[in-house]
Amino acid sequence: MTDELGWSRVVTLHGRVEQELAKALQRQHGLGLSEYRALAQLAATECGELRIQELADAIGLNQSSVSRLVARLEEAGLTRRDLCANDRRGVYSVITDAGRKRLATAAPVYTEVLTQALDRAAADAELGGAVRAVRAL
């Protein structure tokens, strides 16, 4: 298999799984996939906070997109902003208790849908190898 074909299969797998995750999270919890990932990244830190740029890097969004995302999360009461004590230009996004609760209720859906999507893709002759590679990590 060529690199191009292998990469194409990985991209196809990614797109299918992302679509299923996004639909389930939106339908069942009113969260976009990037919103879920942002909450998960924030919750995984010791203090529940990341600089906006660190959050952007962690979830694969640019600064502008993550700023809009953080604004939506703040409006929903799932995060709040905090200024960096050492550098007043630095802004943190901090997960709130409501954000932790929403994440806790959405996480089982994310895990279940992810497993189901990968199981379906594993049965596809063209995508099975990509699924095996992902699961081997």
N, C-alpha and C. Protein backbone atom coordinates (compact mmCIF):
# COMPACT_ATOMS: atom_id res chain seq x y z
N MET A 1 0.85 -1.18 0.00
CA MET A 1 0.00 0.00 0.00
C MET A 1 0.89 1.24 0.00
N THR A 2 0.52 2.22 -0.80
CA THR A 2 1.28 3.45 -0.85
C THR A 2 0.96 4.33 0.36
N ASP A 3 1.86 5.24 0.67
CA ASP A 3 1.60 6.19 1.75
C ASP A 3 0.32 6.98 1.48
N GLU A 4 0.14 7.36 0.23
CA GLU A 4 -1.04 8.16 -0.13
C GLU A 4 -2.33 7.38 0.14
N LEU A 5 -2.38 6.13 -0.23
CA LEU A 5 -3.57 5.32 -0.01
C LEU A 5 -3.78 5.09 1.49
N GLY A 6 -2.72 4.79 2.20
CA GLY A 6 -2.83 4.58 3.65
C GLY A 6 -3.34 5.82 4.35
N TRP A 7 -2.78 6.97 3.97
CA TRP A 7 -3.21 8.23 4.57
C TRP A 7 -4.68 8.52 4.23
N SER A 8 -5.07 8.24 3.02
CA SER A 8 -6.46 8.44 2.60
C SER A 8 -7.40 7.63 3.48
N ARG A 9 -7.02 6.43 3.82
CA ARG A 9 -7.86 5.59 4.67
C ARG A 9 -7.93 6.13 6.10
N VAL A 10 -6.82 6.63 6.59
CA VAL A 10 -6.82 7.24 7.93
C VAL A 10 -7.74 8.46 7.94
N VAL A 11 -7.66 9.28 6.91
CA VAL A 11 -8.50 10.48 6.82
C VAL A 11 -9.97 10.09 6.74
N THR A 12 -10.29 9.07 5.96
CA THR A 12 -11.67 8.60 5.85
C THR A 12 -12.16 8.10 7.20
N LEU A 13 -11.36 7.31 7.88
CA LEU A 13 -11.72 6.81 9.21
C LEU A 13 -11.97 7.97 10.16
N HIS A 14 -11.07 8.92 10.17
CA HIS A 14 -11.19 10.10 11.04
C HIS A 14 -12.50 10.83 10.77
N GLY A 15 -12.80 11.07 9.51
CA GLY A 15 -14.02 11.80 9.16
C GLY A 15 -15.27 11.08 9.62
N ARG A 16 -15.33 9.77 9.41
CA ARG A 16 -16.50 9.00 9.82
C ARG A 16 -16.69 9.03 11.33
N VAL A 17 -15.63 8.80 12.05
CA VAL A 17 -15.71 8.76 13.51
C VAL A 17 -16.08 10.14 14.06
N GLU A 18 -15.43 11.18 13.54
CA GLU A 18 -15.72 12.54 14.00
C GLU A 18 -17.19 12.90 13.77
N GLN A 19 -17.72 12.52 12.63
CA GLN A 19 -19.12 12.83 12.33
C GLN A 19 -20.06 12.16 13.32
N GLU A 20 -19.80 10.91 13.63
CA GLU A 20 -20.65 10.20 14.58
C GLU A 20 -20.53 10.78 15.98
N LEU A 21 -19.33 11.10 16.40
CA LEU A 21 -19.14 11.71 17.72
C LEU A 21 -19.84 13.06 17.81
N ALA A 22 -19.67 13.87 16.78
CA ALA A 22 -20.27 15.21 16.78
C ALA A 22 -21.79 15.13 16.86
N LYS A 23 -22.40 14.24 16.09
CA LYS A 23 -23.86 14.10 16.12
C LYS A 23 -24.36 13.67 17.49
N ALA A 24 -23.71 12.68 18.06
CA ALA A 24 -24.16 12.15 19.36
C ALA A 24 -24.01 13.18 20.47
N LEU A 25 -22.88 13.86 20.51
CA LEU A 25 -22.66 14.86 21.57
C LEU A 25 -23.63 16.03 21.44
N GLN A 26 -23.87 16.47 20.22
CA GLN A 26 -24.79 17.58 20.02
C GLN A 26 -26.22 17.17 20.37
N ARG A 27 -26.63 16.03 19.88
CA ARG A 27 -27.99 15.56 20.09
C ARG A 27 -28.28 15.26 21.57
N GLN A 28 -27.35 14.61 22.22
CA GLN A 28 -27.61 14.14 23.58
C GLN A 28 -27.19 15.11 24.68
N HIS A 29 -26.22 15.99 24.39
CA HIS A 29 -25.69 16.85 25.44
C HIS A 29 -25.57 18.32 25.05
N GLY A 30 -25.96 18.67 23.83
CA GLY A 30 -25.87 20.06 23.40
C GLY A 30 -24.44 20.57 23.33
N LEU A 31 -23.49 19.67 23.11
CA LEU A 31 -22.08 20.05 23.02
C LEU A 31 -21.55 19.75 21.63
N GLY A 32 -20.78 20.67 21.09
CA GLY A 32 -20.04 20.39 19.88
C GLY A 32 -18.83 19.54 20.23
N LEU A 33 -18.28 18.88 19.25
CA LEU A 33 -17.13 18.01 19.48
C LEU A 33 -15.92 18.81 20.00
N SER A 34 -15.67 19.98 19.45
CA SER A 34 -14.56 20.81 19.94
C SER A 34 -14.82 21.29 21.36
N GLU A 35 -16.08 21.58 21.68
CA GLU A 35 -16.42 21.99 23.04
C GLU A 35 -16.15 20.86 24.02
N TYR A 36 -16.55 19.65 23.64
CA TYR A 36 -16.29 18.49 24.48
C TYR A 36 -14.79 18.32 24.70
N ARG A 37 -14.03 18.40 23.62
CA ARG A 37 -12.58 18.21 23.72
C ARG A 37 -11.93 19.30 24.57
N ALA A 38 -12.41 20.52 24.46
CA ALA A 38 -11.87 21.60 25.29
C ALA A 38 -12.14 21.32 26.76
N LEU A 39 -13.36 20.93 27.09
CA LEU A 39 -13.68 20.61 28.48
C LEU A 39 -12.81 19.45 28.97
N ALA A 40 -12.63 18.44 28.15
CA ALA A 40 -11.81 17.29 28.53
C ALA A 40 -10.36 17.70 28.78
N GLN A 41 -9.82 18.57 27.92
CA GLN A 41 -8.43 19.03 28.10
C GLN A 41 -8.30 19.84 29.38
N LEU A 42 -9.26 20.72 29.63
CA LEU A 42 -9.20 21.54 30.85
C LEU A 42 -9.32 20.66 32.09
N ALA A 43 -10.24 19.72 32.07
CA ALA A 43 -10.45 18.85 33.23
C ALA A 43 -9.23 17.97 33.51
N ALA A 44 -8.46 17.67 32.49
CA ALA A 44 -7.31 16.78 32.65
C ALA A 44 -6.11 17.48 33.29
N THR A 45 -6.15 18.80 33.38
CA THR A 45 -5.04 19.51 34.00
C THR A 45 -5.21 19.55 35.51
N GLU A 46 -4.11 19.73 36.20
CA GLU A 46 -4.13 19.73 37.66
C GLU A 46 -5.05 20.81 38.23
N CYS A 47 -5.00 21.99 37.65
CA CYS A 47 -5.79 23.12 38.16
C CYS A 47 -7.07 23.37 37.36
N GLY A 48 -7.31 22.57 36.33
CA GLY A 48 -8.51 22.77 35.51
C GLY A 48 -8.43 23.98 34.61
N GLU A 49 -7.21 24.39 34.26
CA GLU A 49 -7.06 25.58 33.44
C GLU A 49 -5.90 25.43 32.46
N LEU A 50 -6.04 26.15 31.35
CA LEU A 50 -4.98 26.25 30.35
C LEU A 50 -5.01 27.65 29.77
N ARG A 51 -3.82 28.14 29.37
CA ARG A 51 -3.80 29.37 28.59
C ARG A 51 -4.58 29.11 27.31
N ILE A 52 -5.18 30.14 26.78
CA ILE A 52 -5.99 30.01 25.57
C ILE A 52 -5.16 29.39 24.43
N GLN A 53 -3.92 29.83 24.27
CA GLN A 53 -3.08 29.27 23.20
C GLN A 53 -2.76 27.81 23.45
N GLU A 54 -2.54 27.42 24.70
CA GLU A 54 -2.28 26.01 25.02
C GLU A 54 -3.51 25.16 24.70
N LEU A 55 -4.67 25.70 25.00
CA LEU A 55 -5.91 24.99 24.70
C LEU A 55 -6.07 24.84 23.19
N ALA A 56 -5.78 25.89 22.45
CA ALA A 56 -5.85 25.83 20.98
C ALA A 56 -4.93 24.74 20.45
N ASP A 57 -3.72 24.69 20.94
CA ASP A 57 -2.76 23.67 20.50
C ASP A 57 -3.26 22.26 20.87
N ALA A 58 -3.82 22.12 22.05
CA ALA A 58 -4.25 20.81 22.53
C ALA A 58 -5.40 20.23 21.73
N ILE A 59 -6.28 21.09 21.23
CA ILE A 59 -7.45 20.57 20.50
C ILE A 59 -7.36 20.82 19.00
N GLY A 60 -6.25 21.38 18.55
CA GLY A 60 -6.02 21.51 17.11
C GLY A 60 -6.80 22.62 16.44
N LEU A 61 -7.04 23.71 17.16
CA LEU A 61 -7.72 24.86 16.57
C LEU A 61 -6.78 26.05 16.56
N ASN A 62 -7.07 27.01 15.68
CA ASN A 62 -6.27 28.23 15.68
C ASN A 62 -6.78 29.17 16.78
N GLN A 63 -6.03 30.22 17.04
CA GLN A 63 -6.34 31.16 18.12
C GLN A 63 -7.73 31.76 17.97
N SER A 64 -8.09 32.17 16.77
CA SER A 64 -9.39 32.79 16.53
C SER A 64 -10.53 31.81 16.81
N SER A 65 -10.40 30.60 16.32
CA SER A 65 -11.45 29.60 16.52
C SER A 65 -11.60 29.24 17.99
N VAL A 66 -10.48 29.09 18.69
CA VAL A 66 -10.58 28.72 20.10
C VAL A 66 -11.13 29.88 20.93
N SER A 67 -10.88 31.10 20.52
CA SER A 67 -11.45 32.24 21.24
C SER A 67 -12.97 32.23 21.14
N ARG A 68 -13.50 31.92 19.96
CA ARG A 68 -14.96 31.81 19.80
C ARG A 68 -15.50 30.63 20.59
N LEU A 69 -14.77 29.53 20.58
CA LEU A 69 -15.17 28.35 21.33
C LEU A 69 -15.23 28.66 22.82
N VAL A 70 -14.20 29.29 23.34
CA VAL A 70 -14.15 29.64 24.76
C VAL A 70 -15.29 30.60 25.11
N ALA A 71 -15.60 31.51 24.23
CA ALA A 71 -16.71 32.44 24.47
C ALA A 71 -18.04 31.67 24.60
N ARG A 72 -18.24 30.67 23.75
CA ARG A 72 -19.46 29.85 23.84
C ARG A 72 -19.50 29.07 25.15
N LEU A 73 -18.37 28.51 25.53
CA LEU A 73 -18.32 27.75 26.79
C LEU A 73 -18.57 28.66 27.99
N GLU A 74 -18.03 29.87 27.93
CA GLU A 74 -18.26 30.83 29.02
C GLU A 74 -19.73 31.22 29.09
N GLU A 75 -20.31 31.50 27.94
CA GLU A 75 -21.72 31.89 27.88
C GLU A 75 -22.62 30.79 28.46
N ALA A 76 -22.22 29.56 28.28
CA ALA A 76 -22.99 28.42 28.80
C ALA A 76 -22.66 28.14 30.27
N GLY A 77 -21.71 28.87 30.84
CA GLY A 77 -21.33 28.67 32.23
C GLY A 77 -20.43 27.46 32.46
N LEU A 78 -19.83 26.93 31.39
CA LEU A 78 -19.01 25.73 31.50
C LEU A 78 -17.54 26.04 31.77
N THR A 79 -17.13 27.27 31.43
CA THR A 79 -15.78 27.74 31.73
C THR A 79 -15.87 29.21 32.14
N ARG A 80 -14.76 29.71 32.63
CA ARG A 80 -14.60 31.14 32.91
C ARG A 80 -13.20 31.54 32.52
N ARG A 81 -12.99 32.84 32.31
CA ARG A 81 -11.66 33.34 31.99
C ARG A 81 -10.98 33.82 33.25
N ASP A 82 -9.66 33.72 33.25
CA ASP A 82 -8.87 34.21 34.36
C ASP A 82 -7.59 34.79 33.78
N LEU A 83 -7.11 35.87 34.36
CA LEU A 83 -5.86 36.48 33.90
C LEU A 83 -4.68 35.81 34.59
N CYS A 84 -3.60 35.70 33.87
CA CYS A 84 -2.36 35.15 34.40
C CYS A 84 -1.77 36.15 35.40
N ALA A 85 -1.45 35.69 36.59
CA ALA A 85 -0.91 36.58 37.62
C ALA A 85 0.46 37.13 37.23
N ASN A 86 1.26 36.34 36.52
CA ASN A 86 2.62 36.75 36.15
C ASN A 86 2.66 37.61 34.89
N ASP A 87 1.69 37.43 34.02
CA ASP A 87 1.68 38.13 32.73
C ASP A 87 0.25 38.54 32.45
N ARG A 88 -0.08 39.78 32.71
CA ARG A 88 -1.47 40.25 32.61
C ARG A 88 -2.03 40.12 31.19
N ARG A 89 -1.16 39.88 30.21
CA ARG A 89 -1.65 39.67 28.85
C ARG A 89 -2.12 38.23 28.66
N GLY A 90 -1.64 37.33 29.52
CA GLY A 90 -2.01 35.92 29.41
C GLY A 90 -3.41 35.67 29.95
N VAL A 91 -4.21 34.95 29.19
CA VAL A 91 -5.58 34.64 29.61
C VAL A 91 -5.73 33.12 29.69
N TYR A 92 -6.33 32.68 30.78
CA TYR A 92 -6.60 31.27 30.98
C TYR A 92 -8.08 30.99 30.78
N SER A 93 -8.36 29.78 30.33
CA SER A 93 -9.72 29.26 30.34
C SER A 93 -9.76 28.25 31.48
N VAL A 94 -10.74 28.38 32.34
CA VAL A 94 -10.84 27.55 33.54
C VAL A 94 -12.19 26.82 33.52
N ILE A 95 -12.17 25.52 33.70
CA ILE A 95 -13.42 24.76 33.72
C ILE A 95 -14.15 25.02 35.04
N THR A 96 -15.46 25.18 34.95
CA THR A 96 -16.28 25.40 36.14
C THR A 96 -16.85 24.06 36.62
N ASP A 97 -17.50 24.10 37.78
CA ASP A 97 -18.17 22.89 38.28
C ASP A 97 -19.23 22.42 37.29
N ALA A 98 -19.95 23.37 36.70
CA ALA A 98 -20.96 23.01 35.69
C ALA A 98 -20.30 22.36 34.48
N GLY A 99 -19.13 22.84 34.10
CA GLY A 99 -18.39 22.25 32.99
C GLY A 99 -17.95 20.83 33.31
N ARG A 100 -17.51 20.61 34.53
CA ARG A 100 -17.10 19.26 34.95
C ARG A 100 -18.30 18.31 34.94
N LYS A 101 -19.45 18.80 35.38
CA LYS A 101 -20.66 17.97 35.40
C LYS A 101 -21.09 17.61 33.98
N ARG A 102 -21.09 18.60 33.09
CA ARG A 102 -21.48 18.34 31.70
C ARG A 102 -20.52 17.35 31.06
N LEU A 103 -19.24 17.51 31.30
CA LEU A 103 -18.24 16.59 30.77
C LEU A 103 -18.48 15.18 31.32
N ALA A 104 -18.76 15.07 32.61
CA ALA A 104 -18.97 13.76 33.22
C ALA A 104 -20.19 13.05 32.63
N THR A 105 -21.22 13.79 32.27
CA THR A 105 -22.40 13.15 31.68
C THR A 105 -22.17 12.84 30.20
N ALA A 106 -21.34 13.62 29.52
CA ALA A 106 -21.10 13.41 28.10
C ALA A 106 -20.02 12.36 27.83
N ALA A 107 -19.09 12.18 28.74
CA ALA A 107 -17.96 11.28 28.51
C ALA A 107 -18.38 9.84 28.20
N PRO A 108 -19.35 9.26 28.90
CA PRO A 108 -19.74 7.89 28.54
C PRO A 108 -20.31 7.78 27.13
N VAL A 109 -21.02 8.80 26.68
CA VAL A 109 -21.56 8.81 25.32
C VAL A 109 -20.41 8.88 24.32
N TYR A 110 -19.45 9.74 24.58
CA TYR A 110 -18.28 9.86 23.72
C TYR A 110 -17.58 8.51 23.58
N THR A 111 -17.33 7.87 24.72
CA THR A 111 -16.62 6.59 24.72
C THR A 111 -17.41 5.51 23.99
N GLU A 112 -18.71 5.45 24.26
CA GLU A 112 -19.55 4.43 23.62
C GLU A 112 -19.63 4.63 22.11
N VAL A 113 -19.86 5.86 21.68
CA VAL A 113 -19.97 6.14 20.25
C VAL A 113 -18.63 5.92 19.56
N LEU A 114 -17.54 6.30 20.20
CA LEU A 114 -16.22 6.07 19.63
C LEU A 114 -15.99 4.58 19.40
N THR A 115 -16.27 3.78 20.40
CA THR A 115 -16.09 2.32 20.28
C THR A 115 -16.97 1.75 19.18
N GLN A 116 -18.23 2.16 19.14
CA GLN A 116 -19.15 1.66 18.12
C GLN A 116 -18.69 2.07 16.71
N ALA A 117 -18.26 3.30 16.57
CA ALA A 117 -17.81 3.78 15.26
C ALA A 117 -16.57 3.02 14.80
N LEU A 118 -15.64 2.79 15.71
CA LEU A 118 -14.44 2.04 15.35
C LEU A 118 -14.78 0.58 15.06
N ASP A 119 -15.72 0.01 15.80
CA ASP A 119 -16.14 -1.37 15.53
C ASP A 119 -16.73 -1.49 14.12
N ARG A 120 -17.59 -0.54 13.76
CA ARG A 120 -18.17 -0.56 12.41
C ARG A 120 -17.09 -0.41 11.34
N ALA A 121 -16.18 0.50 11.56
CA ALA A 121 -15.11 0.73 10.59
C ALA A 121 -14.17 -0.48 10.51
N ALA A 122 -13.98 -1.18 11.61
CA ALA A 122 -13.11 -2.35 11.61
C ALA A 122 -13.64 -3.45 10.69
N ALA A 123 -14.95 -3.48 10.52
CA ALA A 123 -15.57 -4.48 9.64
C ALA A 123 -15.47 -4.10 8.16
N ASP A 124 -15.08 -2.87 7.89
CA ASP A 124 -14.91 -2.39 6.51
C ASP A 124 -13.53 -2.84 6.01
N ALA A 125 -13.52 -3.54 4.90
CA ALA A 125 -12.27 -4.09 4.37
C ALA A 125 -11.21 -3.02 4.15
N GLU A 126 -11.61 -1.83 3.74
CA GLU A 126 -10.64 -0.78 3.46
C GLU A 126 -10.16 -0.06 4.72
N LEU A 127 -10.97 -0.04 5.77
CA LEU A 127 -10.62 0.73 6.96
C LEU A 127 -10.15 -0.13 8.13
N GLY A 128 -10.33 -1.43 8.02
CA GLY A 128 -9.97 -2.31 9.13
C GLY A 128 -8.52 -2.17 9.58
N GLY A 129 -7.61 -2.04 8.65
CA GLY A 129 -6.19 -1.88 8.99
C GLY A 129 -5.93 -0.60 9.77
N ALA A 130 -6.61 0.46 9.38
CA ALA A 130 -6.44 1.74 10.09
C ALA A 130 -6.97 1.63 11.51
N VAL A 131 -8.10 0.95 11.67
CA VAL A 131 -8.67 0.75 13.02
C VAL A 131 -7.71 -0.08 13.87
N ARG A 132 -7.17 -1.15 13.30
CA ARG A 132 -6.22 -1.97 14.05
C ARG A 132 -5.01 -1.15 14.48
N ALA A 133 -4.53 -0.29 13.59
CA ALA A 133 -3.38 0.57 13.92
C ALA A 133 -3.72 1.52 15.07
N VAL A 134 -4.90 2.11 15.02
CA VAL A 134 -5.33 3.03 16.09
C VAL A 134 -5.42 2.28 17.41
N ARG A 135 -6.03 1.13 17.39
CA ARG A 135 -6.22 0.36 18.62
C ARG A 135 -4.92 -0.22 19.15
N ALA A 136 -3.92 -0.36 18.30
CA ALA A 136 -2.62 -0.86 18.75
C ALA A 136 -1.82 0.21 19.50
N LEU A 137 -2.22 1.46 19.34
CA LEU A 137 -1.51 2.55 20.03
C LEU A 137 -1.82 2.45 21.47
